[in-house]
């Protein structure tokens, strides 16, 4: 295709309107833009970049040994922790979706049973807990003891674990079988590893074993 005639070029230029992106670039560059391209000289652009404020980097927690140094104050951390959900977490949704695809039907968060299991399968007398490794102090790579308010956290983790043990014993006394799926069994795992966990859970549900815990392959010393 040859070059456009002069009258057609003028018509296209007269009807052209800059995009939103071009307009925003134009405003940032003081109006010296055309079709989203800056017309600053190299020296002017370098000087403009030097005048721009340095971008603030997101603070990241420092990990010292088995302890995690907090980067926010206690009040902010308390507010953030209170917003963490205890139900319908991502690991729980993975288990629910996988078992449903395998043909299982279940109730969710039954308050009639001790410990409020995440999934309940009355037909198999099976109760399933999907535990977060941090909140239930699992011996794995995803648990780090906070360095601030250590006494508070140790007492809280001890209560959580004590409640877990009591709930399992009570369910066993009532004739329920208990499966515990830990977060590390599903977190940062490949599709094949997640599938293997789901198949093991399905096999346990259909079997006669009283209890089972499923966790990730990587463990650490206490």
N, C-alpha and C. Protein backbone atom coordinates (compact mmCIF):
# COMPACT_ATOMS: atom_id res chain seq x y z
N UNK A 1 0.85 -1.19 0.00
CA UNK A 1 0.00 0.00 0.00
C UNK A 1 0.88 1.24 0.00
N UNK A 2 0.58 2.20 -0.91
CA UNK A 2 1.39 3.40 -1.03
C UNK A 2 1.12 4.39 0.07
N UNK A 3 1.83 5.54 -0.01
CA UNK A 3 1.66 6.58 0.99
C UNK A 3 0.27 7.20 0.87
N UNK A 4 -0.26 7.67 2.02
CA UNK A 4 -1.58 8.29 2.01
C UNK A 4 -1.52 9.66 1.37
N UNK A 5 -2.55 10.04 0.64
CA UNK A 5 -2.60 11.39 0.06
C UNK A 5 -2.57 12.46 1.16
N UNK A 6 -2.13 13.64 0.81
CA UNK A 6 -1.98 14.73 1.78
C UNK A 6 -3.32 15.08 2.42
N UNK A 7 -4.42 15.17 1.61
CA UNK A 7 -5.71 15.56 2.17
C UNK A 7 -6.22 14.52 3.18
N UNK A 8 -5.89 13.21 2.94
CA UNK A 8 -6.33 12.17 3.86
C UNK A 8 -5.54 12.23 5.17
N UNK A 9 -4.25 12.55 5.09
CA UNK A 9 -3.45 12.72 6.30
C UNK A 9 -4.01 13.84 7.15
N UNK A 10 -4.37 14.97 6.48
CA UNK A 10 -4.92 16.10 7.24
C UNK A 10 -6.25 15.73 7.89
N UNK A 11 -7.08 14.94 7.18
CA UNK A 11 -8.36 14.53 7.73
C UNK A 11 -8.18 13.64 8.95
N UNK A 12 -7.25 12.68 8.87
CA UNK A 12 -6.99 11.79 9.99
C UNK A 12 -6.44 12.55 11.18
N UNK A 13 -5.55 13.53 10.95
CA UNK A 13 -4.97 14.30 12.03
C UNK A 13 -6.02 15.17 12.71
N UNK A 14 -6.98 15.71 11.90
CA UNK A 14 -8.01 16.59 12.46
C UNK A 14 -9.00 15.80 13.32
N UNK A 15 -9.24 14.53 12.99
CA UNK A 15 -10.22 13.73 13.75
C UNK A 15 -9.57 12.88 14.83
N UNK A 16 -8.23 12.90 14.93
CA UNK A 16 -7.54 12.07 15.92
C UNK A 16 -7.74 12.63 17.32
N UNK A 17 -8.03 11.73 18.27
CA UNK A 17 -8.16 12.12 19.67
C UNK A 17 -7.23 11.24 20.49
N UNK A 18 -6.47 11.83 21.40
CA UNK A 18 -5.54 11.01 22.19
C UNK A 18 -6.28 10.08 23.15
N UNK A 19 -5.69 8.94 23.42
CA UNK A 19 -6.28 7.99 24.37
C UNK A 19 -6.08 8.48 25.79
N UNK A 20 -6.73 7.80 26.74
CA UNK A 20 -6.57 8.17 28.14
C UNK A 20 -5.12 8.02 28.59
N UNK A 21 -4.47 6.95 28.11
CA UNK A 21 -3.08 6.73 28.47
C UNK A 21 -2.21 7.87 27.96
N UNK A 22 -2.47 8.30 26.73
CA UNK A 22 -1.70 9.39 26.15
C UNK A 22 -1.93 10.67 26.94
N UNK A 23 -3.18 10.91 27.35
CA UNK A 23 -3.49 12.11 28.11
C UNK A 23 -2.79 12.10 29.46
N UNK A 24 -2.79 10.94 30.12
CA UNK A 24 -2.13 10.86 31.42
C UNK A 24 -0.64 11.08 31.30
N UNK A 25 -0.04 10.52 30.24
CA UNK A 25 1.38 10.75 30.00
C UNK A 25 1.65 12.22 29.70
N UNK A 26 0.74 12.82 28.98
CA UNK A 26 0.89 14.22 28.63
C UNK A 26 0.88 15.10 29.87
N UNK A 27 -0.03 14.79 30.81
CA UNK A 27 -0.10 15.57 32.03
C UNK A 27 1.15 15.39 32.87
N UNK A 28 1.65 14.13 32.96
CA UNK A 28 2.84 13.89 33.77
C UNK A 28 4.07 14.56 33.19
N UNK A 29 4.13 14.66 31.86
CA UNK A 29 5.31 15.23 31.21
C UNK A 29 5.15 16.71 30.88
N UNK A 30 4.18 17.36 31.51
CA UNK A 30 4.03 18.78 31.29
C UNK A 30 3.46 19.15 29.95
N UNK A 31 2.74 18.25 29.31
CA UNK A 31 2.09 18.55 28.04
C UNK A 31 2.93 18.28 26.82
N UNK A 32 4.20 17.87 26.96
CA UNK A 32 5.07 17.64 25.81
C UNK A 32 5.03 16.19 25.37
N UNK A 33 3.89 15.74 24.93
CA UNK A 33 3.77 14.38 24.41
C UNK A 33 2.96 14.40 23.13
N UNK A 34 3.16 13.38 22.34
CA UNK A 34 2.37 13.19 21.13
C UNK A 34 2.15 11.71 20.95
N UNK A 35 0.87 11.29 20.95
CA UNK A 35 0.50 9.88 20.80
C UNK A 35 1.16 9.01 21.86
N UNK A 36 1.30 9.57 23.07
CA UNK A 36 1.84 8.78 24.17
C UNK A 36 3.35 8.75 24.22
N UNK A 37 4.06 9.47 23.33
CA UNK A 37 5.50 9.45 23.30
C UNK A 37 6.06 10.76 23.85
N UNK A 38 7.03 10.68 24.75
CA UNK A 38 7.61 11.88 25.33
C UNK A 38 8.56 12.52 24.33
N UNK A 39 8.57 13.86 24.30
CA UNK A 39 9.48 14.58 23.40
C UNK A 39 10.56 15.29 24.22
N UNK A 40 10.74 14.89 25.50
CA UNK A 40 11.83 15.44 26.28
C UNK A 40 13.15 15.00 25.67
N UNK A 41 14.12 15.83 25.75
CA UNK A 41 15.45 15.43 25.30
C UNK A 41 16.03 14.48 26.34
N UNK A 42 17.13 13.81 25.98
CA UNK A 42 17.74 12.88 26.90
C UNK A 42 18.16 13.55 28.19
N UNK A 43 18.72 14.76 28.11
CA UNK A 43 19.17 15.47 29.31
C UNK A 43 17.99 15.87 30.18
N UNK A 44 16.89 16.33 29.54
CA UNK A 44 15.71 16.72 30.29
C UNK A 44 15.07 15.52 31.00
N UNK A 45 15.01 14.36 30.30
CA UNK A 45 14.41 13.17 30.89
C UNK A 45 15.20 12.69 32.10
N UNK A 46 16.55 12.72 31.99
CA UNK A 46 17.38 12.29 33.11
C UNK A 46 17.19 13.21 34.31
N UNK A 47 17.10 14.53 34.04
CA UNK A 47 16.89 15.48 35.12
C UNK A 47 15.54 15.28 35.78
N UNK A 48 14.50 14.96 34.99
CA UNK A 48 13.16 14.73 35.54
C UNK A 48 13.13 13.49 36.41
N UNK A 49 13.85 12.43 36.00
CA UNK A 49 13.90 11.21 36.78
C UNK A 49 14.60 11.44 38.11
N UNK A 50 15.65 12.29 38.11
CA UNK A 50 16.37 12.57 39.35
C UNK A 50 15.50 13.32 40.34
N UNK A 51 14.55 14.13 39.83
CA UNK A 51 13.69 14.91 40.70
C UNK A 51 12.54 14.09 41.29
N UNK A 52 12.24 12.93 40.69
CA UNK A 52 11.15 12.11 41.17
C UNK A 52 11.51 11.48 42.52
N UNK A 53 10.55 11.41 43.45
CA UNK A 53 10.85 10.80 44.76
C UNK A 53 11.11 9.31 44.61
N UNK A 54 11.98 8.80 45.47
CA UNK A 54 12.31 7.37 45.43
C UNK A 54 11.09 6.54 45.79
N UNK A 55 10.87 5.44 45.07
CA UNK A 55 9.74 4.57 45.34
C UNK A 55 9.94 3.83 46.65
N UNK A 56 8.90 3.85 47.47
CA UNK A 56 8.97 3.18 48.75
C UNK A 56 8.82 1.68 48.57
N UNK A 57 9.74 0.94 49.14
CA UNK A 57 9.69 -0.52 49.05
C UNK A 57 8.83 -1.06 50.16
N UNK A 58 8.11 -2.14 49.86
CA UNK A 58 7.24 -2.77 50.85
C UNK A 58 8.07 -3.44 51.92
N UNK A 59 7.74 -3.14 53.16
CA UNK A 59 8.49 -3.72 54.27
C UNK A 59 8.24 -5.22 54.35
N UNK A 60 9.30 -5.96 54.58
CA UNK A 60 9.18 -7.41 54.71
C UNK A 60 9.69 -7.84 56.07
N UNK A 61 9.04 -8.82 56.68
CA UNK A 61 9.49 -9.27 58.00
C UNK A 61 10.84 -9.95 57.93
N UNK A 62 11.65 -9.75 58.96
CA UNK A 62 12.94 -10.41 59.05
C UNK A 62 12.78 -11.69 59.86
N UNK A 63 13.41 -12.75 59.39
CA UNK A 63 13.32 -14.03 60.07
C UNK A 63 14.67 -14.33 60.70
N UNK A 64 14.68 -14.48 62.02
CA UNK A 64 15.90 -14.79 62.74
C UNK A 64 15.70 -16.13 63.42
N UNK A 65 16.40 -17.14 62.91
CA UNK A 65 16.23 -18.49 63.46
C UNK A 65 14.81 -18.95 63.27
N UNK A 66 14.15 -19.35 64.36
CA UNK A 66 12.77 -19.82 64.29
C UNK A 66 11.79 -18.71 64.63
N UNK A 67 12.30 -17.45 64.78
CA UNK A 67 11.44 -16.36 65.18
C UNK A 67 11.32 -15.34 64.04
N UNK A 68 10.13 -14.75 63.93
CA UNK A 68 9.87 -13.77 62.89
C UNK A 68 9.74 -12.39 63.54
N UNK A 69 10.59 -11.45 63.14
CA UNK A 69 10.56 -10.10 63.69
C UNK A 69 9.44 -9.32 63.02
N UNK A 70 8.52 -8.79 63.81
CA UNK A 70 7.38 -8.06 63.26
C UNK A 70 7.82 -6.69 62.78
N UNK A 71 7.18 -6.20 61.71
CA UNK A 71 7.51 -4.91 61.14
C UNK A 71 6.43 -3.88 61.41
N UNK A 72 5.37 -4.25 62.13
CA UNK A 72 4.30 -3.33 62.48
C UNK A 72 4.10 -3.36 63.98
N UNK A 73 3.39 -2.35 64.51
CA UNK A 73 3.16 -2.29 65.95
C UNK A 73 2.11 -3.32 66.37
N UNK A 74 1.97 -3.49 67.69
CA UNK A 74 1.09 -4.55 68.21
C UNK A 74 -0.36 -4.31 67.84
N UNK A 75 -0.82 -3.04 67.87
CA UNK A 75 -2.22 -2.75 67.54
C UNK A 75 -2.53 -3.07 66.09
N UNK A 76 -1.61 -2.70 65.19
CA UNK A 76 -1.81 -2.99 63.76
C UNK A 76 -1.81 -4.49 63.51
N UNK A 77 -0.87 -5.20 64.15
CA UNK A 77 -0.82 -6.65 63.96
C UNK A 77 -2.09 -7.32 64.49
N UNK A 78 -2.61 -6.84 65.64
CA UNK A 78 -3.84 -7.41 66.18
C UNK A 78 -5.00 -7.22 65.22
N UNK A 79 -5.10 -6.04 64.60
CA UNK A 79 -6.17 -5.77 63.65
C UNK A 79 -6.03 -6.65 62.41
N UNK A 80 -4.79 -6.85 61.95
CA UNK A 80 -4.56 -7.69 60.77
C UNK A 80 -4.90 -9.14 61.07
N UNK A 81 -4.52 -9.62 62.27
CA UNK A 81 -4.79 -11.00 62.63
C UNK A 81 -6.28 -11.27 62.77
N UNK A 82 -7.02 -10.27 63.28
CA UNK A 82 -8.46 -10.46 63.47
C UNK A 82 -9.19 -10.56 62.14
N UNK A 83 -8.56 -10.08 61.06
CA UNK A 83 -9.19 -10.14 59.74
C UNK A 83 -8.94 -11.44 59.01
N UNK A 84 -8.08 -12.31 59.57
CA UNK A 84 -7.79 -13.59 58.92
C UNK A 84 -8.94 -14.55 59.15
N UNK A 85 -9.44 -15.11 58.09
CA UNK A 85 -10.61 -15.98 58.20
C UNK A 85 -10.22 -17.35 58.74
N UNK A 86 -11.15 -17.95 59.48
CA UNK A 86 -10.93 -19.29 60.01
C UNK A 86 -11.73 -20.33 59.24
N UNK A 87 -12.65 -19.88 58.39
CA UNK A 87 -13.44 -20.79 57.57
C UNK A 87 -13.31 -20.42 56.10
N UNK A 88 -13.61 -21.39 55.26
CA UNK A 88 -13.58 -21.17 53.81
C UNK A 88 -12.19 -20.69 53.35
N UNK A 89 -11.16 -21.22 53.97
CA UNK A 89 -9.81 -20.87 53.56
C UNK A 89 -9.48 -21.57 52.24
N UNK A 90 -8.38 -21.17 51.64
CA UNK A 90 -8.00 -21.77 50.35
C UNK A 90 -7.74 -23.27 50.46
N UNK A 91 -6.97 -23.76 51.46
CA UNK A 91 -6.80 -25.21 51.58
C UNK A 91 -8.12 -25.94 51.77
N UNK A 92 -9.03 -25.34 52.55
CA UNK A 92 -10.33 -25.98 52.76
C UNK A 92 -11.12 -26.06 51.45
N UNK A 93 -11.08 -24.99 50.67
CA UNK A 93 -11.81 -24.99 49.39
C UNK A 93 -11.23 -26.02 48.43
N UNK A 94 -9.92 -26.22 48.48
CA UNK A 94 -9.30 -27.24 47.62
C UNK A 94 -9.81 -28.63 47.99
N UNK A 95 -9.85 -28.93 49.29
CA UNK A 95 -10.34 -30.23 49.74
C UNK A 95 -11.81 -30.41 49.38
N UNK A 96 -12.61 -29.39 49.63
CA UNK A 96 -14.03 -29.48 49.32
C UNK A 96 -14.27 -29.71 47.83
N UNK A 97 -13.60 -28.92 47.00
CA UNK A 97 -13.79 -29.04 45.56
C UNK A 97 -13.33 -30.41 45.05
N UNK A 98 -12.17 -30.86 45.54
CA UNK A 98 -11.64 -32.15 45.08
C UNK A 98 -12.52 -33.32 45.48
N UNK A 99 -12.97 -33.34 46.74
CA UNK A 99 -13.82 -34.44 47.18
C UNK A 99 -15.18 -34.41 46.50
N UNK A 100 -15.67 -33.21 46.22
CA UNK A 100 -16.96 -33.11 45.52
C UNK A 100 -16.84 -33.67 44.11
N UNK A 101 -15.73 -33.40 43.45
CA UNK A 101 -15.52 -33.95 42.10
C UNK A 101 -15.40 -35.46 42.13
N UNK A 102 -14.93 -36.00 43.25
CA UNK A 102 -14.80 -37.45 43.39
C UNK A 102 -16.11 -38.11 43.80
N UNK A 103 -17.16 -37.33 43.95
CA UNK A 103 -18.47 -37.89 44.21
C UNK A 103 -18.94 -37.86 45.65
N UNK A 104 -18.17 -37.25 46.54
CA UNK A 104 -18.56 -37.20 47.95
C UNK A 104 -19.46 -36.00 48.22
N UNK A 105 -20.39 -36.17 49.15
CA UNK A 105 -21.27 -35.09 49.57
C UNK A 105 -21.12 -34.94 51.08
N UNK A 106 -21.14 -33.71 51.55
CA UNK A 106 -20.79 -33.47 52.95
C UNK A 106 -21.46 -32.20 53.46
N UNK A 107 -21.49 -32.08 54.78
CA UNK A 107 -21.96 -30.86 55.44
C UNK A 107 -20.74 -30.05 55.86
N UNK A 108 -20.94 -28.74 56.02
CA UNK A 108 -19.84 -27.85 56.36
C UNK A 108 -20.01 -27.27 57.76
N UNK A 109 -18.92 -27.29 58.53
CA UNK A 109 -18.83 -26.59 59.82
C UNK A 109 -20.02 -26.92 60.73
N UNK A 110 -20.20 -28.18 60.99
CA UNK A 110 -21.31 -28.62 61.83
C UNK A 110 -21.02 -28.29 63.29
N UNK A 111 -21.84 -27.42 63.87
CA UNK A 111 -21.67 -27.05 65.28
C UNK A 111 -22.20 -28.13 66.22
N UNK A 112 -22.85 -29.15 65.68
CA UNK A 112 -23.36 -30.23 66.52
C UNK A 112 -22.24 -31.16 66.99
N UNK A 113 -21.08 -31.09 66.31
CA UNK A 113 -19.97 -31.97 66.65
C UNK A 113 -18.87 -31.18 67.34
N UNK A 114 -18.13 -31.86 68.18
CA UNK A 114 -17.04 -31.23 68.93
C UNK A 114 -15.96 -30.72 67.98
N UNK A 115 -15.52 -29.49 68.21
CA UNK A 115 -14.47 -28.91 67.38
C UNK A 115 -14.94 -28.30 66.10
N UNK A 116 -16.23 -28.43 65.77
CA UNK A 116 -16.81 -27.90 64.52
C UNK A 116 -15.97 -28.30 63.31
N UNK A 117 -16.00 -29.56 62.91
CA UNK A 117 -15.21 -30.02 61.76
C UNK A 117 -15.55 -29.22 60.50
N UNK A 118 -14.54 -29.05 59.65
CA UNK A 118 -14.75 -28.31 58.40
C UNK A 118 -15.65 -29.07 57.43
N UNK A 119 -15.50 -30.38 57.37
CA UNK A 119 -16.35 -31.22 56.53
C UNK A 119 -16.85 -32.40 57.36
N UNK A 120 -18.10 -32.75 57.19
CA UNK A 120 -18.69 -33.88 57.89
C UNK A 120 -19.40 -34.77 56.87
N UNK A 121 -19.05 -36.05 56.88
CA UNK A 121 -19.67 -37.03 55.98
C UNK A 121 -20.40 -38.06 56.83
N UNK A 122 -21.67 -37.83 57.15
CA UNK A 122 -22.41 -38.74 58.05
C UNK A 122 -22.47 -40.17 57.52
N UNK A 123 -22.56 -40.33 56.20
CA UNK A 123 -22.66 -41.68 55.63
C UNK A 123 -21.45 -42.53 56.01
N UNK A 124 -20.29 -41.92 56.11
CA UNK A 124 -19.06 -42.64 56.43
C UNK A 124 -18.62 -42.42 57.88
N UNK A 125 -19.39 -41.68 58.65
CA UNK A 125 -19.04 -41.33 60.03
C UNK A 125 -17.64 -40.72 60.06
N UNK A 126 -17.42 -39.80 59.15
CA UNK A 126 -16.10 -39.19 58.99
C UNK A 126 -16.18 -37.68 59.19
N UNK A 127 -15.24 -37.15 59.96
CA UNK A 127 -15.12 -35.71 60.18
C UNK A 127 -13.73 -35.27 59.72
N UNK A 128 -13.67 -34.18 58.97
CA UNK A 128 -12.41 -33.72 58.39
C UNK A 128 -12.11 -32.30 58.89
N UNK A 129 -10.89 -32.14 59.41
CA UNK A 129 -10.38 -30.82 59.80
C UNK A 129 -9.29 -30.41 58.81
N UNK A 130 -9.37 -29.16 58.32
CA UNK A 130 -8.30 -28.60 57.49
C UNK A 130 -7.63 -27.52 58.33
N UNK A 131 -6.45 -27.83 58.85
CA UNK A 131 -5.78 -26.96 59.81
C UNK A 131 -4.74 -26.07 59.14
N UNK A 132 -4.70 -24.81 59.57
CA UNK A 132 -3.62 -23.92 59.17
C UNK A 132 -2.39 -24.22 60.01
N UNK A 133 -1.23 -24.27 59.38
CA UNK A 133 -0.02 -24.68 60.08
C UNK A 133 0.42 -23.66 61.13
N UNK A 134 0.13 -22.38 60.92
CA UNK A 134 0.52 -21.37 61.89
C UNK A 134 -0.36 -21.42 63.13
N UNK A 135 -1.67 -21.37 62.93
CA UNK A 135 -2.58 -21.27 64.06
C UNK A 135 -2.60 -22.52 64.92
N UNK A 136 -2.28 -23.66 64.33
CA UNK A 136 -2.30 -24.91 65.10
C UNK A 136 -0.89 -25.41 65.39
N UNK A 137 0.09 -24.55 65.17
CA UNK A 137 1.49 -24.81 65.48
C UNK A 137 1.95 -26.18 64.98
N UNK A 138 1.91 -26.32 63.68
CA UNK A 138 2.35 -27.57 63.08
C UNK A 138 3.87 -27.57 62.95
N UNK A 139 4.45 -28.73 63.10
CA UNK A 139 5.90 -28.88 62.99
C UNK A 139 6.31 -28.96 61.52
N UNK A 140 6.28 -27.81 60.85
CA UNK A 140 6.61 -27.79 59.42
C UNK A 140 7.24 -26.45 59.07
N UNK A 141 7.55 -26.29 57.80
CA UNK A 141 8.26 -25.09 57.33
C UNK A 141 7.42 -23.83 57.39
N UNK A 142 6.11 -23.94 57.49
CA UNK A 142 5.25 -22.76 57.44
C UNK A 142 4.93 -22.19 58.82
N UNK A 143 5.49 -22.77 59.85
CA UNK A 143 5.28 -22.20 61.18
C UNK A 143 6.53 -21.45 61.63
N UNK A 144 6.34 -20.19 62.03
CA UNK A 144 7.39 -19.37 62.61
C UNK A 144 6.84 -18.72 63.87
N UNK A 145 7.53 -18.89 64.96
CA UNK A 145 7.09 -18.29 66.23
C UNK A 145 7.33 -16.78 66.19
N UNK A 146 6.29 -15.96 66.39
CA UNK A 146 6.49 -14.51 66.42
C UNK A 146 7.46 -14.11 67.53
N UNK A 147 8.28 -13.10 67.27
CA UNK A 147 9.27 -12.67 68.26
C UNK A 147 8.69 -11.71 69.28
N UNK A 148 7.56 -11.06 68.95
CA UNK A 148 6.92 -10.15 69.89
C UNK A 148 5.79 -10.87 70.63
N UNK A 149 5.59 -10.52 71.89
CA UNK A 149 4.55 -11.11 72.73
C UNK A 149 4.63 -12.64 72.70
N UNK A 150 5.83 -13.13 72.87
CA UNK A 150 6.06 -14.57 72.76
C UNK A 150 5.23 -15.36 73.75
N UNK A 151 5.11 -14.83 74.99
CA UNK A 151 4.32 -15.53 75.99
C UNK A 151 2.86 -15.66 75.60
N UNK A 152 2.32 -14.59 75.02
CA UNK A 152 0.93 -14.63 74.56
C UNK A 152 0.74 -15.68 73.48
N UNK A 153 1.64 -15.70 72.50
CA UNK A 153 1.50 -16.63 71.38
C UNK A 153 1.68 -18.08 71.83
N UNK A 154 2.63 -18.32 72.73
CA UNK A 154 2.84 -19.68 73.21
C UNK A 154 1.59 -20.19 73.92
N UNK A 155 0.98 -19.33 74.74
CA UNK A 155 -0.24 -19.74 75.45
C UNK A 155 -1.38 -19.99 74.47
N UNK A 156 -1.47 -19.14 73.45
CA UNK A 156 -2.55 -19.29 72.46
C UNK A 156 -2.38 -20.58 71.67
N UNK A 157 -1.15 -20.85 71.21
CA UNK A 157 -0.91 -22.08 70.46
C UNK A 157 -1.17 -23.31 71.33
N UNK A 158 -0.79 -23.23 72.60
CA UNK A 158 -1.02 -24.35 73.52
C UNK A 158 -2.51 -24.62 73.68
N UNK A 159 -3.32 -23.55 73.80
CA UNK A 159 -4.78 -23.72 73.90
C UNK A 159 -5.33 -24.34 72.63
N UNK A 160 -4.85 -23.86 71.48
CA UNK A 160 -5.35 -24.40 70.20
C UNK A 160 -5.06 -25.90 70.10
N UNK A 161 -3.85 -26.30 70.43
CA UNK A 161 -3.50 -27.71 70.32
C UNK A 161 -4.26 -28.55 71.34
N UNK A 162 -4.44 -28.00 72.54
CA UNK A 162 -5.21 -28.72 73.56
C UNK A 162 -6.66 -28.92 73.11
N UNK A 163 -7.24 -27.87 72.51
CA UNK A 163 -8.61 -27.98 72.00
C UNK A 163 -8.71 -28.99 70.86
N UNK A 164 -7.68 -29.02 70.01
CA UNK A 164 -7.68 -29.98 68.90
C UNK A 164 -7.69 -31.42 69.42
N UNK A 165 -6.83 -31.69 70.41
CA UNK A 165 -6.73 -33.04 70.96
C UNK A 165 -8.04 -33.43 71.65
N UNK A 166 -8.62 -32.49 72.41
CA UNK A 166 -9.87 -32.79 73.11
C UNK A 166 -11.00 -33.06 72.12
N UNK A 167 -11.05 -32.28 71.02
CA UNK A 167 -12.10 -32.47 70.02
C UNK A 167 -11.99 -33.83 69.36
N UNK A 168 -10.77 -34.25 69.04
CA UNK A 168 -10.58 -35.54 68.38
C UNK A 168 -10.99 -36.68 69.32
N UNK A 169 -10.62 -36.57 70.59
CA UNK A 169 -10.98 -37.63 71.55
C UNK A 169 -12.49 -37.73 71.70
N UNK A 170 -13.15 -36.58 71.78
CA UNK A 170 -14.60 -36.60 71.95
C UNK A 170 -15.29 -37.16 70.72
N UNK A 171 -14.81 -36.81 69.54
CA UNK A 171 -15.40 -37.35 68.31
C UNK A 171 -15.20 -38.87 68.25
N UNK A 172 -14.00 -39.32 68.64
CA UNK A 172 -13.73 -40.77 68.63
C UNK A 172 -14.66 -41.50 69.60
N UNK A 173 -14.90 -40.89 70.76
CA UNK A 173 -15.80 -41.51 71.74
C UNK A 173 -17.23 -41.58 71.24
N UNK A 174 -17.58 -40.67 70.34
CA UNK A 174 -18.94 -40.67 69.79
C UNK A 174 -19.05 -41.52 68.52
N UNK A 175 -17.96 -42.19 68.16
CA UNK A 175 -18.00 -43.09 67.01
C UNK A 175 -17.64 -42.45 65.68
N UNK A 176 -17.03 -41.28 65.72
CA UNK A 176 -16.63 -40.61 64.49
C UNK A 176 -15.16 -40.89 64.18
N UNK A 177 -14.86 -41.01 62.91
CA UNK A 177 -13.49 -41.13 62.43
C UNK A 177 -13.00 -39.72 62.05
N UNK A 178 -11.72 -39.45 62.29
CA UNK A 178 -11.21 -38.08 62.14
C UNK A 178 -10.02 -38.05 61.17
N UNK A 179 -10.12 -37.15 60.19
CA UNK A 179 -9.03 -36.89 59.25
C UNK A 179 -8.58 -35.45 59.41
N UNK A 180 -7.28 -35.24 59.54
CA UNK A 180 -6.70 -33.89 59.63
C UNK A 180 -5.83 -33.66 58.40
N UNK A 181 -6.16 -32.63 57.65
CA UNK A 181 -5.36 -32.24 56.49
C UNK A 181 -4.66 -30.93 56.84
N UNK A 182 -3.34 -30.94 56.85
CA UNK A 182 -2.58 -29.75 57.19
C UNK A 182 -2.37 -28.87 55.96
N UNK A 183 -2.27 -27.59 56.21
CA UNK A 183 -2.07 -26.61 55.14
C UNK A 183 -0.86 -26.95 54.28
N UNK A 184 0.22 -27.43 54.90
CA UNK A 184 1.46 -27.71 54.16
C UNK A 184 1.31 -28.86 53.18
N UNK A 185 0.23 -29.65 53.32
CA UNK A 185 0.00 -30.74 52.36
C UNK A 185 -0.47 -30.19 51.02
N UNK A 186 -0.98 -28.95 51.01
CA UNK A 186 -1.56 -28.38 49.80
C UNK A 186 -0.87 -27.10 49.34
N UNK A 187 -0.26 -26.40 50.26
CA UNK A 187 0.34 -25.10 49.94
C UNK A 187 1.63 -25.27 49.14
N UNK A 188 1.74 -24.52 48.04
CA UNK A 188 2.93 -24.53 47.17
C UNK A 188 3.23 -25.93 46.64
N UNK A 189 2.20 -26.71 46.41
CA UNK A 189 2.39 -28.06 45.87
C UNK A 189 1.98 -28.11 44.41
N UNK A 190 2.53 -29.07 43.71
CA UNK A 190 2.18 -29.24 42.31
C UNK A 190 0.79 -29.88 42.20
N UNK A 191 0.25 -29.85 41.00
CA UNK A 191 -1.08 -30.42 40.79
C UNK A 191 -1.09 -31.92 41.09
N UNK A 192 -0.02 -32.60 40.74
CA UNK A 192 0.04 -34.04 41.00
C UNK A 192 0.10 -34.34 42.50
N UNK A 193 0.81 -33.50 43.26
CA UNK A 193 0.89 -33.70 44.70
C UNK A 193 -0.47 -33.45 45.37
N UNK A 194 -1.18 -32.41 44.93
CA UNK A 194 -2.50 -32.13 45.47
C UNK A 194 -3.46 -33.27 45.14
N UNK A 195 -3.37 -33.79 43.92
CA UNK A 195 -4.22 -34.91 43.52
C UNK A 195 -3.95 -36.14 44.39
N UNK A 196 -2.68 -36.38 44.69
CA UNK A 196 -2.33 -37.52 45.53
C UNK A 196 -2.93 -37.37 46.93
N UNK A 197 -2.93 -36.16 47.47
CA UNK A 197 -3.53 -35.92 48.79
C UNK A 197 -5.04 -36.18 48.74
N UNK A 198 -5.69 -35.71 47.70
CA UNK A 198 -7.13 -35.91 47.56
C UNK A 198 -7.48 -37.40 47.44
N UNK A 199 -6.67 -38.15 46.70
CA UNK A 199 -6.94 -39.58 46.55
C UNK A 199 -6.72 -40.32 47.87
N UNK A 200 -5.72 -39.90 48.64
CA UNK A 200 -5.50 -40.53 49.95
C UNK A 200 -6.67 -40.22 50.89
N UNK A 201 -7.17 -38.99 50.82
CA UNK A 201 -8.33 -38.63 51.65
C UNK A 201 -9.55 -39.45 51.26
N UNK A 202 -9.76 -39.61 49.94
CA UNK A 202 -10.91 -40.38 49.47
C UNK A 202 -10.79 -41.85 49.88
N UNK A 203 -9.57 -42.39 49.80
CA UNK A 203 -9.37 -43.78 50.21
C UNK A 203 -9.64 -43.95 51.70
N UNK A 204 -9.22 -42.97 52.52
CA UNK A 204 -9.46 -43.05 53.96
C UNK A 204 -10.96 -42.98 54.27
N UNK A 205 -11.67 -42.12 53.57
CA UNK A 205 -13.11 -41.96 53.82
C UNK A 205 -13.84 -43.28 53.59
N UNK A 206 -13.47 -43.98 52.54
CA UNK A 206 -14.15 -45.23 52.20
C UNK A 206 -13.66 -46.41 53.02
N UNK A 207 -12.53 -46.23 53.71
CA UNK A 207 -11.96 -47.33 54.49
C UNK A 207 -12.51 -47.39 55.90
N UNK A 208 -11.75 -48.05 56.77
CA UNK A 208 -12.19 -48.26 58.15
C UNK A 208 -11.19 -47.72 59.17
N UNK A 209 -10.16 -47.04 58.69
CA UNK A 209 -9.15 -46.50 59.60
C UNK A 209 -9.76 -45.40 60.46
N UNK A 210 -9.43 -45.40 61.77
CA UNK A 210 -10.08 -44.47 62.70
C UNK A 210 -9.61 -43.03 62.51
N UNK A 211 -8.33 -42.83 62.26
CA UNK A 211 -7.81 -41.48 62.14
C UNK A 211 -6.63 -41.44 61.17
N UNK A 212 -6.37 -40.24 60.67
CA UNK A 212 -5.27 -40.06 59.72
C UNK A 212 -4.91 -38.58 59.66
N UNK A 213 -3.61 -38.29 59.49
CA UNK A 213 -3.13 -36.92 59.29
C UNK A 213 -2.38 -36.88 57.96
N UNK A 214 -2.68 -35.88 57.16
CA UNK A 214 -2.02 -35.68 55.88
C UNK A 214 -1.26 -34.35 55.93
N UNK A 215 0.04 -34.41 55.68
CA UNK A 215 0.87 -33.21 55.72
C UNK A 215 1.84 -33.22 54.55
N UNK A 216 2.57 -32.12 54.39
CA UNK A 216 3.53 -32.03 53.30
C UNK A 216 4.77 -32.87 53.54
N UNK A 217 5.55 -33.13 52.49
CA UNK A 217 6.72 -34.00 52.63
C UNK A 217 7.87 -33.35 53.36
N UNK A 218 7.93 -32.02 53.39
CA UNK A 218 9.06 -31.34 54.01
C UNK A 218 8.74 -31.03 55.46
N UNK A 219 9.58 -31.50 56.36
CA UNK A 219 9.38 -31.29 57.80
C UNK A 219 10.66 -30.68 58.39
N UNK A 220 10.56 -30.10 59.55
CA UNK A 220 11.73 -29.55 60.23
C UNK A 220 11.77 -30.09 61.66
N UNK A 221 12.94 -30.02 62.25
CA UNK A 221 13.07 -30.47 63.63
C UNK A 221 12.45 -29.45 64.57
N UNK A 222 11.91 -29.94 65.71
CA UNK A 222 11.30 -29.06 66.68
C UNK A 222 12.35 -28.18 67.33
